[in-house]
């Protein structure tokens, strides 16, 4: 089993930046992909960034954050994952979750239901 813990959330004004961290422990060598999801008010949970830990570091971004957010890991190490968030907007306000999957889809991108290990979340609030 994999344990995940997010940190780095907080309050910031529009246009500002935050960096979220996710610390992983447990059976981390089984992880194939890690991702950041968010739950914003009035919206369904959305996967915003994904990184392949055993897939050459392949990354995917949702259109809502592309060009503003960057997902990364420590040298391909599964123990820490990050989300650098720049040019934050009030619409980015919400709870942000770290997630991991051990499922390999033969090179195809993971699907949301593949992510079965979750952190508790960290709150991000962006004021206008």
C-alpha atoms as a PDB file:
ATOM      1  CA  UNK A   1       0.000   0.000   0.000  1.00  0.00           C
ATOM      2  CA  UNK A   2       1.083   3.565  -0.691  1.00  0.00           C
ATOM      3  CA  UNK A   3       0.617   6.474   1.705  1.00  0.00           C
ATOM      4  CA  UNK A   4       0.472  10.001   0.308  1.00  0.00           C
ATOM      5  CA  UNK A   5       0.604  13.332   2.113  1.00  0.00           C
ATOM      6  CA  UNK A   6       0.198  16.751   0.535  1.00  0.00           C
ATOM      7  CA  UNK A   7       1.576  20.042   1.807  1.00  0.00           C
ATOM      8  CA  UNK A   8       2.114  23.575   0.576  1.00  0.00           C
ATOM      9  CA  UNK A   9      -1.433  24.822   0.224  1.00  0.00           C
ATOM     10  CA  UNK A  10      -2.450  28.235   1.459  1.00  0.00           C
ATOM     11  CA  UNK A  11      -3.914  31.584   0.511  1.00  0.00           C
ATOM     12  CA  UNK A  12      -2.540  33.788  -2.226  1.00  0.00           C
ATOM     13  CA  UNK A  13      -3.692  36.722  -4.320  1.00  0.00           C
ATOM     14  CA  UNK A  14      -4.540  36.337  -7.984  1.00  0.00           C
ATOM     15  CA  UNK A  15      -1.422  36.271 -10.108  1.00  0.00           C
ATOM     16  CA  UNK A  16       0.623  34.726  -7.341  1.00  0.00           C
ATOM     17  CA  UNK A  17       2.295  31.327  -7.060  1.00  0.00           C
ATOM     18  CA  UNK A  18       2.258  28.299  -4.802  1.00  0.00           C
ATOM     19  CA  UNK A  19       4.190  25.053  -4.791  1.00  0.00           C
ATOM     20  CA  UNK A  20       2.459  21.918  -3.596  1.00  0.00           C
ATOM     21  CA  UNK A  21       4.388  18.872  -2.425  1.00  0.00           C
ATOM     22  CA  UNK A  22       3.341  15.251  -2.133  1.00  0.00           C
ATOM     23  CA  UNK A  23       5.342  12.843   0.014  1.00  0.00           C
ATOM     24  CA  UNK A  24       4.907   9.156  -0.772  1.00  0.00           C
ATOM     25  CA  UNK A  25       5.766   6.229   1.458  1.00  0.00           C
ATOM     26  CA  UNK A  26       5.099   2.524   1.601  1.00  0.00           C
ATOM     27  CA  UNK A  27       5.274   0.350  -1.499  1.00  0.00           C
ATOM     28  CA  UNK A  28       6.342   3.256  -3.713  1.00  0.00           C
ATOM     29  CA  UNK A  29       8.228   1.171  -6.264  1.00  0.00           C
ATOM     30  CA  UNK A  30       4.930  -0.192  -7.520  1.00  0.00           C
ATOM     31  CA  UNK A  31       3.765   3.278  -8.633  1.00  0.00           C
ATOM     32  CA  UNK A  32       3.421   3.766 -12.396  1.00  0.00           C
ATOM     33  CA  UNK A  33       1.827   7.224 -12.489  1.00  0.00           C
ATOM     34  CA  UNK A  34       1.263   9.980  -9.962  1.00  0.00           C
ATOM     35  CA  UNK A  35      -1.149  12.856 -10.416  1.00  0.00           C
ATOM     36  CA  UNK A  36      -2.686  15.961  -8.932  1.00  0.00           C
ATOM     37  CA  UNK A  37      -6.447  16.244  -8.772  1.00  0.00           C
ATOM     38  CA  UNK A  38      -8.505  19.145  -7.519  1.00  0.00           C
ATOM     39  CA  UNK A  39     -12.038  19.704  -6.319  1.00  0.00           C
ATOM     40  CA  UNK A  40     -13.198  23.255  -6.903  1.00  0.00           C
ATOM     41  CA  UNK A  41     -16.516  24.644  -5.623  1.00  0.00           C
ATOM     42  CA  UNK A  42     -19.444  23.546  -7.754  1.00  0.00           C
ATOM     43  CA  UNK A  43     -17.337  21.317  -9.988  1.00  0.00           C
ATOM     44  CA  UNK A  44     -16.488  17.650 -10.219  1.00  0.00           C
ATOM     45  CA  UNK A  45     -13.079  16.434  -9.222  1.00  0.00           C
ATOM     46  CA  UNK A  46     -10.631  17.128 -12.022  1.00  0.00           C
ATOM     47  CA  UNK A  47      -7.276  15.563 -12.786  1.00  0.00           C
ATOM     48  CA  UNK A  48      -5.045  18.495 -13.631  1.00  0.00           C
ATOM     49  CA  UNK A  49      -1.550  17.046 -13.972  1.00  0.00           C
ATOM     50  CA  UNK A  50      -0.052  13.573 -14.355  1.00  0.00           C
ATOM     51  CA  UNK A  51       3.503  12.273 -14.401  1.00  0.00           C
ATOM     52  CA  UNK A  52       4.738   8.837 -15.409  1.00  0.00           C
ATOM     53  CA  UNK A  53       7.212   7.531 -12.875  1.00  0.00           C
ATOM     54  CA  UNK A  54       8.146   4.566 -15.052  1.00  0.00           C
ATOM     55  CA  UNK A  55       7.117   5.996 -18.397  1.00  0.00           C
ATOM     56  CA  UNK A  56      10.044   8.266 -19.148  1.00  0.00           C
ATOM     57  CA  UNK A  57       8.608  11.027 -17.046  1.00  0.00           C
ATOM     58  CA  UNK A  58       5.714  11.557 -19.453  1.00  0.00           C
ATOM     59  CA  UNK A  59       3.487  14.404 -18.307  1.00  0.00           C
ATOM     60  CA  UNK A  60      -0.086  15.343 -19.084  1.00  0.00           C
ATOM     61  CA  UNK A  61      -1.974  18.517 -18.185  1.00  0.00           C
ATOM     62  CA  UNK A  62      -5.592  19.535 -18.216  1.00  0.00           C
ATOM     63  CA  UNK A  63      -6.318  22.472 -20.508  1.00  0.00           C
ATOM     64  CA  UNK A  64      -7.388  24.515 -17.477  1.00  0.00           C
ATOM     65  CA  UNK A  65      -3.832  24.589 -16.099  1.00  0.00           C
ATOM     66  CA  UNK A  66      -1.629  24.074 -19.158  1.00  0.00           C
ATOM     67  CA  UNK A  67       1.071  26.724 -19.349  1.00  0.00           C
ATOM     68  CA  UNK A  68       0.573  27.787 -15.738  1.00  0.00           C
ATOM     69  CA  UNK A  69       1.186  24.646 -13.680  1.00  0.00           C
ATOM     70  CA  UNK A  70       4.192  22.288 -13.776  1.00  0.00           C
ATOM     71  CA  UNK A  71       4.325  18.789 -12.309  1.00  0.00           C
ATOM     72  CA  UNK A  72       7.666  17.283 -11.355  1.00  0.00           C
ATOM     73  CA  UNK A  73       9.430  14.669  -9.264  1.00  0.00           C
ATOM     74  CA  UNK A  74      12.811  14.377  -7.582  1.00  0.00           C
ATOM     75  CA  UNK A  75      15.003  12.747 -10.258  1.00  0.00           C
ATOM     76  CA  UNK A  76      12.361  10.133 -11.067  1.00  0.00           C
ATOM     77  CA  UNK A  77      12.165   9.167  -7.427  1.00  0.00           C
ATOM     78  CA  UNK A  78       8.653   8.278  -6.343  1.00  0.00           C
ATOM     79  CA  UNK A  79       9.096   9.685  -2.850  1.00  0.00           C
ATOM     80  CA  UNK A  80       8.261  13.286  -3.687  1.00  0.00           C
ATOM     81  CA  UNK A  81       6.131  14.935  -6.312  1.00  0.00           C
ATOM     82  CA  UNK A  82       5.490  18.641  -6.789  1.00  0.00           C
ATOM     83  CA  UNK A  83       3.065  20.999  -8.461  1.00  0.00           C
ATOM     84  CA  UNK A  84       4.368  24.473  -9.217  1.00  0.00           C
ATOM     85  CA  UNK A  85       1.377  26.724  -9.712  1.00  0.00           C
ATOM     86  CA  UNK A  86       1.939  30.123 -11.307  1.00  0.00           C
ATOM     87  CA  UNK A  87      -0.401  32.904 -12.388  1.00  0.00           C
ATOM     88  CA  UNK A  88      -3.052  31.623 -10.020  1.00  0.00           C
ATOM     89  CA  UNK A  89      -6.661  32.661 -10.592  1.00  0.00           C
ATOM     90  CA  UNK A  90      -9.628  32.712  -8.199  1.00  0.00           C
ATOM     91  CA  UNK A  91     -11.032  29.799 -10.224  1.00  0.00           C
ATOM     92  CA  UNK A  92      -8.083  27.688  -8.994  1.00  0.00           C
ATOM     93  CA  UNK A  93      -9.465  27.805  -5.459  1.00  0.00           C
ATOM     94  CA  UNK A  94     -10.186  24.337  -4.143  1.00  0.00           C
ATOM     95  CA  UNK A  95      -8.859  21.219  -2.463  1.00  0.00           C
ATOM     96  CA  UNK A  96      -5.867  19.658  -4.155  1.00  0.00           C
ATOM     97  CA  UNK A  97      -5.123  15.946  -3.882  1.00  0.00           C
ATOM     98  CA  UNK A  98      -2.140  13.791  -4.684  1.00  0.00           C
ATOM     99  CA  UNK A  99      -2.897  10.355  -6.135  1.00  0.00           C
ATOM    100  CA  UNK A 100      -1.034   7.330  -7.441  1.00  0.00           C
ATOM    101  CA  UNK A 101      -1.735   4.303  -9.583  1.00  0.00           C
ATOM    102  CA  UNK A 102       0.052   1.006 -10.060  1.00  0.00           C
ATOM    103  CA  UNK A 103      -1.845   0.210 -13.253  1.00  0.00           C
ATOM    104  CA  UNK A 104       0.056   0.026 -16.513  1.00  0.00           C
ATOM    105  CA  UNK A 105      -2.050   0.487 -19.655  1.00  0.00           C
ATOM    106  CA  UNK A 106       0.668  -0.648 -22.060  1.00  0.00           C
ATOM    107  CA  UNK A 107       1.817   2.872 -22.817  1.00  0.00           C
ATOM    108  CA  UNK A 108      -1.611   4.480 -22.975  1.00  0.00           C
ATOM    109  CA  UNK A 109      -2.371   7.359 -20.590  1.00  0.00           C
ATOM    110  CA  UNK A 110      -3.945   6.414 -17.272  1.00  0.00           C
ATOM    111  CA  UNK A 111      -7.630   6.923 -16.615  1.00  0.00           C
ATOM    112  CA  UNK A 112      -9.042   8.636 -13.560  1.00  0.00           C
ATOM    113  CA  UNK A 113     -10.402   5.410 -12.071  1.00  0.00           C
ATOM    114  CA  UNK A 114      -6.904   3.909 -12.136  1.00  0.00           C
ATOM    115  CA  UNK A 115      -5.826   6.159  -9.239  1.00  0.00           C
ATOM    116  CA  UNK A 116      -6.557   4.215  -6.079  1.00  0.00           C
ATOM    117  CA  UNK A 117      -4.122   5.713  -3.550  1.00  0.00           C
ATOM    118  CA  UNK A 118      -4.959   9.193  -2.287  1.00  0.00           C
ATOM    119  CA  UNK A 119      -3.722  11.827   0.097  1.00  0.00           C
ATOM    120  CA  UNK A 120      -5.923  13.854   2.439  1.00  0.00           C
ATOM    121  CA  UNK A 121      -5.700  16.999   0.360  1.00  0.00           C
ATOM    122  CA  UNK A 122      -4.438  20.531   0.848  1.00  0.00           C
ATOM    123  CA  UNK A 123      -6.531  23.688   0.465  1.00  0.00           C
ATOM    124  CA  UNK A 124      -5.611  26.384  -2.046  1.00  0.00           C
ATOM    125  CA  UNK A 125      -7.416  29.717  -1.866  1.00  0.00           C
ATOM    126  CA  UNK A 126      -6.854  32.435  -4.467  1.00  0.00           C
ATOM    127  CA  UNK A 127      -8.347  35.842  -3.799  1.00  0.00           C
ATOM    128  CA  UNK A 128      -9.062  38.471  -6.421  1.00  0.00           C
END
